[in-house]
Protein backbone atom coordinates (compact mmCIF):
# COMPACT_ATOMS: atom_id res chain seq x y z
CA MET A 1 211.17 22.55 56.23
CA ALA A 2 211.22 20.09 59.10
CA MET A 3 214.64 19.43 60.54
CA CYS A 4 215.96 20.13 64.01
CA VAL A 5 219.68 19.67 63.31
CA ARG A 6 222.03 22.61 63.79
CA PRO A 7 223.85 23.37 60.51
CA LEU A 8 227.35 21.92 60.45
CA LEU A 9 230.04 22.29 57.84
CA PRO A 10 229.85 19.31 55.51
CA HIS A 11 232.17 16.45 56.34
CA PRO A 12 235.44 16.95 54.42
CA VAL A 13 234.82 13.77 52.43
CA ARG A 14 231.62 15.29 51.03
CA LEU A 15 233.61 18.10 49.48
CA LEU A 16 235.42 15.51 47.36
CA LEU A 17 232.32 13.98 45.82
CA PRO A 18 233.07 12.85 42.28
CA LEU A 19 231.48 14.59 39.33
CA LEU A 20 229.30 11.55 38.83
CA VAL A 21 227.40 12.38 42.01
CA LEU A 22 226.86 15.95 40.91
CA GLU A 23 225.56 14.71 37.58
CA VAL A 24 222.83 12.88 39.48
CA LEU A 25 221.67 16.29 40.65
CA ALA A 26 221.15 17.48 37.08
CA PRO A 27 217.49 17.88 36.12
CA VAL A 28 215.63 15.77 33.63
CA HIS A 29 213.11 18.02 31.93
CA GLY A 30 210.06 15.80 31.66
CA GLY A 31 207.88 18.73 30.62
CA TYR A 32 210.28 20.07 28.00
CA ASP A 33 210.22 18.94 24.38
CA LYS A 34 213.80 19.38 23.17
CA THR A 35 212.55 19.69 19.61
CA SER A 36 210.59 22.81 20.57
CA LEU A 37 211.34 26.20 19.08
CA LEU A 38 212.88 27.72 22.19
CA ARG A 39 216.23 29.35 21.44
CA VAL A 40 218.33 32.38 22.26
CA GLY A 41 217.53 35.19 19.80
CA PHE A 42 214.14 33.86 18.70
CA TYR A 43 212.97 37.39 17.81
CA LYS A 44 216.13 38.39 15.93
CA GLN A 45 214.23 38.66 12.65
CA SER A 46 210.63 39.21 13.69
CA CYS A 47 211.29 41.86 16.38
CA PRO A 48 215.00 42.71 16.64
CA ASP A 49 214.48 45.30 19.39
CA ALA A 50 212.36 43.04 21.62
CA GLU A 51 214.90 42.43 24.37
CA ALA A 52 216.14 46.02 24.24
CA ILE A 53 212.59 47.28 24.78
CA VAL A 54 212.10 44.95 27.75
CA ARG A 55 215.40 46.09 29.23
CA GLU A 56 214.53 49.77 28.77
CA VAL A 57 211.25 49.47 30.66
CA VAL A 58 212.71 47.26 33.41
CA ALA A 59 215.70 49.59 33.87
CA LYS A 60 213.39 52.58 34.23
CA ALA A 61 211.24 50.72 36.77
CA VAL A 62 214.33 49.71 38.77
CA GLY A 63 215.61 53.28 38.59
CA ASP A 64 212.34 54.49 40.07
CA ASP A 65 212.14 51.75 42.70
CA GLN A 66 214.94 49.25 43.38
CA THR A 67 212.55 46.91 45.16
CA VAL A 68 210.79 46.05 41.88
CA THR A 69 213.47 43.49 41.00
CA ALA A 70 212.14 40.84 43.39
CA PRO A 71 208.50 41.03 42.16
CA LEU A 72 209.61 40.72 38.53
CA LEU A 73 211.72 37.67 39.35
CA ARG A 74 208.90 36.19 41.42
CA LEU A 75 206.35 36.56 38.61
CA HIS A 76 208.43 34.29 36.37
CA PHE A 77 208.83 31.70 39.15
CA HIS A 78 205.14 31.64 39.96
CA ASP A 79 204.27 31.40 36.29
CA CYS A 80 206.51 28.43 35.51
CA PHE A 81 205.41 26.36 38.51
CA VAL A 82 201.77 26.35 37.40
CA ARG A 83 200.96 24.96 33.93
CA GLY A 84 204.53 25.75 32.85
CA CYS A 85 205.97 29.03 31.58
CA ASP A 86 202.91 30.21 29.66
CA ALA A 87 202.07 33.58 31.29
CA SER A 88 198.96 32.08 32.89
CA VAL A 89 199.87 33.96 36.09
CA LEU A 90 199.06 37.23 34.29
CA LEU A 91 195.49 36.36 33.29
CA ASN A 92 192.59 38.03 35.09
CA SER A 93 189.78 36.05 36.67
CA THR A 94 186.52 35.82 34.77
CA GLN A 95 182.92 35.28 35.80
CA THR A 96 183.36 31.54 35.32
CA SER A 97 186.96 31.02 36.46
CA THR A 98 189.20 32.24 39.29
CA ALA A 99 192.68 32.84 37.90
CA GLU A 100 196.10 32.09 39.39
CA LYS A 101 196.76 35.67 40.42
CA ASP A 102 193.77 35.47 42.79
CA ALA A 103 194.99 32.31 44.54
CA LYS A 104 196.12 32.88 48.13
CA PRO A 105 199.85 32.25 47.40
CA ASN A 106 199.72 34.89 44.64
CA LEU A 107 197.90 37.69 46.40
CA THR A 108 201.20 39.41 47.18
CA LEU A 109 202.45 39.30 43.58
CA ASP A 110 203.37 42.70 42.18
CA ALA A 111 204.89 44.46 39.15
CA PHE A 112 202.05 43.57 36.78
CA ASP A 113 202.14 47.23 35.69
CA VAL A 114 205.74 46.83 34.52
CA ILE A 115 204.81 43.82 32.38
CA ASP A 116 201.84 45.72 30.94
CA ALA A 117 204.08 48.68 30.06
CA ILE A 118 206.50 46.36 28.27
CA LYS A 119 203.68 44.67 26.36
CA GLU A 120 202.21 47.99 25.27
CA LYS A 121 205.54 49.11 23.81
CA LEU A 122 206.13 45.79 22.08
CA GLU A 123 202.67 45.75 20.53
CA LYS A 124 203.34 49.17 19.02
CA LYS A 125 206.72 48.06 17.68
CA CYS A 126 205.94 44.45 16.68
CA PRO A 127 202.19 43.66 16.89
CA ARG A 128 201.20 40.11 17.90
CA THR A 129 204.81 38.92 17.93
CA VAL A 130 206.36 38.78 21.41
CA SER A 131 204.54 36.56 23.91
CA CYS A 132 203.78 37.58 27.48
CA ALA A 133 205.52 34.38 28.61
CA ASP A 134 208.74 35.53 26.98
CA ILE A 135 208.32 39.01 28.45
CA LEU A 136 208.20 37.45 31.92
CA ALA A 137 211.36 35.43 31.26
CA ILE A 138 213.32 38.37 29.83
CA ALA A 139 212.12 40.82 32.50
CA ALA A 140 213.14 38.40 35.27
CA ARG A 141 216.62 38.07 33.74
CA ASP A 142 216.95 41.84 33.39
CA ALA A 143 215.72 42.50 36.91
CA VAL A 144 218.19 40.12 38.53
CA SER A 145 221.01 41.35 36.27
CA LEU A 146 220.39 44.94 37.30
CA ALA A 147 220.52 43.87 40.96
CA THR A 148 223.85 42.04 40.59
CA LYS A 149 226.87 44.23 41.28
CA VAL A 150 229.38 42.24 39.25
CA VAL A 151 227.05 42.60 36.26
CA THR A 152 226.33 46.31 36.61
CA GLN A 153 230.03 46.99 37.24
CA GLY A 154 230.95 45.28 33.98
CA GLN A 155 232.72 42.32 35.59
CA TRP A 156 230.40 39.65 34.17
CA ARG A 157 229.04 39.60 30.61
CA LYS A 158 229.73 42.44 28.20
CA ASP A 159 226.03 42.68 27.34
CA GLY A 160 225.20 43.40 30.98
CA ASN A 161 223.25 40.18 31.51
CA LEU A 162 223.76 37.47 34.09
CA TYR A 163 222.68 34.84 31.54
CA GLU A 164 221.04 34.51 28.14
CA VAL A 165 217.31 33.83 27.87
CA GLU A 166 215.81 31.30 25.50
CA THR A 167 212.69 32.67 23.83
CA GLY A 168 209.95 31.36 21.57
CA ARG A 169 207.29 30.59 24.19
CA ARG A 170 203.62 31.05 23.46
CA ASP A 171 200.91 32.12 25.89
CA GLY A 172 198.37 29.80 27.48
CA ARG A 173 194.62 30.28 27.55
CA VAL A 174 193.88 28.75 30.97
CA SER A 175 194.60 30.04 34.49
CA SER A 176 193.44 28.25 37.62
CA ALA A 177 193.65 29.44 41.22
CA LYS A 178 193.20 25.85 42.43
CA GLU A 179 196.22 24.72 40.43
CA ALA A 180 198.29 27.58 41.82
CA ALA A 181 197.38 26.64 45.38
CA ALA A 182 198.29 23.01 44.70
CA HIS A 183 201.57 23.41 42.86
CA LEU A 184 203.38 26.49 44.16
CA PRO A 185 206.12 25.85 46.74
CA ASP A 186 205.15 27.02 50.22
CA SER A 187 207.32 28.88 52.73
CA PHE A 188 206.62 26.11 55.27
CA ASP A 189 207.55 23.22 52.97
CA GLY A 190 210.03 20.65 54.24
CA ILE A 191 212.80 19.23 52.09
CA ARG A 192 210.85 16.18 50.91
CA LYS A 193 207.94 18.30 49.76
CA LEU A 194 210.27 20.72 48.00
CA ILE A 195 212.11 17.93 46.22
CA THR A 196 208.78 16.48 45.08
CA ARG A 197 207.50 19.83 43.84
CA PHE A 198 210.68 20.56 41.89
CA ALA A 199 210.90 17.03 40.50
CA SER A 200 207.35 17.35 39.17
CA LYS A 201 208.65 20.19 36.99
CA GLY A 202 211.70 18.24 35.86
CA LEU A 203 213.98 20.20 38.18
CA GLY A 204 216.62 18.53 40.33
CA LEU A 205 218.24 19.05 43.71
CA LYS A 206 220.77 21.48 42.30
CA ASP A 207 218.00 23.59 40.78
CA LEU A 208 216.23 23.59 44.14
CA ALA A 209 219.32 24.85 45.98
CA VAL A 210 220.21 27.40 43.32
CA LEU A 211 216.75 28.82 42.69
CA SER A 212 216.19 29.19 46.43
CA GLY A 213 218.93 31.80 46.14
CA ALA A 214 216.36 34.09 44.52
CA HIS A 215 215.47 34.87 48.14
CA ALA A 216 218.51 37.13 48.11
CA LEU A 217 216.07 39.72 46.78
CA GLY A 218 212.92 41.17 48.28
CA ASN A 219 210.82 41.24 51.41
CA SER A 220 208.14 39.15 53.02
CA HIS A 221 205.42 39.71 55.62
CA CYS A 222 204.57 38.24 59.00
CA PRO A 223 201.92 35.69 57.90
CA SER A 224 204.55 33.92 55.79
CA LEU A 225 206.51 32.87 58.87
CA GLU A 226 203.99 33.06 61.72
CA LYS A 227 203.93 29.26 62.08
CA ARG A 228 207.69 29.33 62.69
CA LEU A 229 207.40 31.85 65.52
CA ARG A 230 204.54 30.55 67.67
CA ASN A 231 202.99 27.15 68.38
CA PHE A 232 205.26 25.43 65.86
CA THR A 233 204.58 21.95 67.27
CA ALA A 234 203.45 20.43 70.53
CA GLN A 235 207.12 20.04 71.42
CA TYR A 236 208.49 23.36 70.14
CA ASP A 237 206.88 26.77 70.40
CA THR A 238 209.36 28.19 67.86
CA ASP A 239 210.78 26.36 64.86
CA PRO A 240 214.02 24.79 66.22
CA THR A 241 215.75 25.32 62.88
CA LEU A 242 215.49 29.08 63.45
CA ASP A 243 218.28 30.86 65.35
CA ALA A 244 216.87 31.71 68.79
CA ALA A 245 217.98 35.35 68.87
CA TYR A 246 216.83 35.96 65.31
CA GLY A 247 213.50 34.33 66.12
CA ALA A 248 213.03 36.57 69.16
CA MET A 249 213.67 39.64 67.00
CA LEU A 250 211.18 38.45 64.41
CA ARG A 251 208.54 37.85 67.09
CA GLN A 252 208.97 41.46 68.22
CA GLN A 253 208.55 42.70 64.68
CA CYS A 254 205.57 40.43 64.08
CA SER A 255 203.72 41.02 67.35
CA THR A 256 200.43 40.64 65.45
CA PRO A 257 200.30 37.38 63.47
CA GLU A 258 198.02 38.83 60.77
CA ASP A 259 200.31 41.84 60.19
CA ASN A 260 200.53 42.30 56.43
CA GLN A 261 202.13 45.74 56.65
CA THR A 262 205.46 45.06 58.34
CA GLU A 263 208.09 44.24 55.74
CA LEU A 264 210.74 41.67 56.61
CA ALA A 265 213.86 41.71 54.44
CA MET A 266 214.79 38.28 53.12
CA VAL A 267 218.43 39.30 53.55
CA PRO A 268 218.61 42.13 56.10
CA GLY A 269 220.70 45.01 54.80
CA SER A 270 220.94 43.82 51.18
CA SER A 271 217.45 42.87 50.01
CA THR A 272 217.90 44.83 46.75
CA THR A 273 221.30 43.33 45.88
CA PHE A 274 221.55 39.92 44.25
CA ASP A 275 224.46 37.94 45.68
CA ALA A 276 225.26 34.83 47.72
CA ALA A 277 224.62 36.45 51.13
CA TYR A 278 221.40 34.41 51.43
CA TYR A 279 223.38 31.20 51.86
CA SER A 280 225.34 32.55 54.82
CA LEU A 281 222.03 33.31 56.52
CA VAL A 282 220.78 29.79 55.86
CA ALA A 283 224.02 28.32 57.23
CA GLY A 284 223.52 30.42 60.38
CA ASN A 285 219.90 29.28 60.87
CA LYS A 286 218.69 32.74 59.86
CA GLY A 287 216.82 31.92 56.68
CA LEU A 288 213.47 33.70 56.89
CA PHE A 289 211.38 30.75 55.74
CA HIS A 290 211.20 27.19 56.98
CA SER A 291 211.75 26.19 53.34
CA ASP A 292 215.05 28.10 53.35
CA GLN A 293 216.37 26.14 56.32
CA ALA A 294 215.27 22.89 54.68
CA LEU A 295 218.28 23.14 52.38
CA LEU A 296 220.44 22.04 55.33
CA SER A 297 218.47 18.84 55.87
CA ASN A 298 219.63 17.14 52.69
CA GLY A 299 223.26 16.23 52.05
CA ALA A 300 223.38 17.42 48.45
CA THR A 301 221.60 20.74 48.98
CA ARG A 302 223.59 21.38 52.17
CA MET A 303 226.83 20.85 50.24
CA LEU A 304 225.69 23.40 47.66
CA VAL A 305 224.78 25.94 50.37
CA TYR A 306 228.32 25.87 51.74
CA GLY A 307 229.78 25.79 48.26
CA TYR A 308 228.01 29.01 47.31
CA ILE A 309 229.20 30.69 50.50
CA ARG A 310 232.75 29.96 49.36
CA SER A 311 232.20 30.98 45.73
CA GLU A 312 229.67 33.62 44.78
CA LYS A 313 230.88 33.41 41.18
CA ARG A 314 229.86 29.77 41.08
CA PHE A 315 226.44 30.62 42.46
CA LEU A 316 225.82 33.35 39.88
CA SER A 317 226.87 31.04 37.07
CA ASP A 318 224.71 28.16 38.33
CA PHE A 319 221.76 30.50 38.88
CA GLY A 320 221.70 31.40 35.19
CA VAL A 321 221.74 27.72 34.24
CA SER A 322 218.88 26.86 36.60
CA MET A 323 216.82 29.83 35.43
CA VAL A 324 217.13 28.54 31.87
CA ASN A 325 216.15 25.07 33.12
CA MET A 326 213.06 26.46 34.83
CA GLY A 327 212.20 28.55 31.78
CA ARG A 328 211.84 25.36 29.74
CA VAL A 329 209.16 23.80 31.94
CA ALA A 330 206.09 22.72 29.94
CA VAL A 331 206.49 25.51 27.40
CA LEU A 332 204.07 26.11 24.54
CA THR A 333 205.82 26.67 21.21
CA GLY A 334 205.12 26.71 17.49
CA ARG A 335 201.39 26.78 16.88
CA GLN A 336 200.49 25.97 20.47
CA GLY A 337 198.73 28.59 22.56
CA GLN A 338 198.67 32.17 21.30
CA VAL A 339 200.50 35.49 21.51
CA ARG A 340 198.25 37.66 23.65
CA THR A 341 197.88 41.29 22.65
CA ARG A 342 197.09 42.10 26.28
CA CYS A 343 198.73 39.96 28.94
CA ALA A 344 195.75 39.99 31.32
CA VAL A 345 193.19 38.56 28.87
CA ILE A 346 193.16 35.93 26.14
CA ASN A 347 192.67 37.03 22.54
CA ASN A 348 189.12 36.92 21.19
């Protein structure tokens, strides 16, 4: 995200912005029909154990490997930003069509096996009832909840969840690699591009700042930030929004630009714990991606960055709200789409 300004604490006046200004940041969901059937507890009658089954499988996966939380969260993000939250990211390519999961931005997606395990259990319990799109949304919620200390320590919600998930989505029948390449946010995006991408999904500046906090979890690889480290522009060899010492360390770790093996923690030392530590890194010019640092180049998003540093509780609360907002993007409900029996292929 192009900006060469060192991060400064917001001017004191900005901290006193009236609520009216913050309301401007609220998203308008152009792709969400408010008369749709999305609601909390959609499967209460048709499959009462649906969310419990998802949680059981996710908890086992996290118990086996704590790093699985980030891939599960990422699957939901990458699904909703292409064609809406319709599980199109899970479809396999066919002889006539290259699917989203085979687009370059999605080649590092993982945890498909966890989704398949959940679907298999749900099909045995409640055949043709729970959509793959809803599985993605619930699994993302469960993954981030299990990575949040205040949740697992019983200091948040009594049900052990960071937020409640609306369900009732149906699965799409189309998956396009070209659409994925065109619509997914890129690690090198600047603030204007990010705002445009989020706005196209009915998501506002606050959603952009909050959902960027998902980078509190997981790892990346050298190709995702190579442009920041070498030959950034004719004027700067290294991205000037990147802390110089941190950049030098990253260049040592990524001595080979094509290195896809070296893992770089999004938040060094706590990449399996979901908290507000990400924002302190951004404020210190140590966000791993150019798109992370872009949050400082807009007054509203910068204000939110510093606000979340001061109040992690506020961040966690806002994150749940923005995840629900994102989960409403261009959903299929009612008789639209289908409920796939296998998430990787459409029903015959």
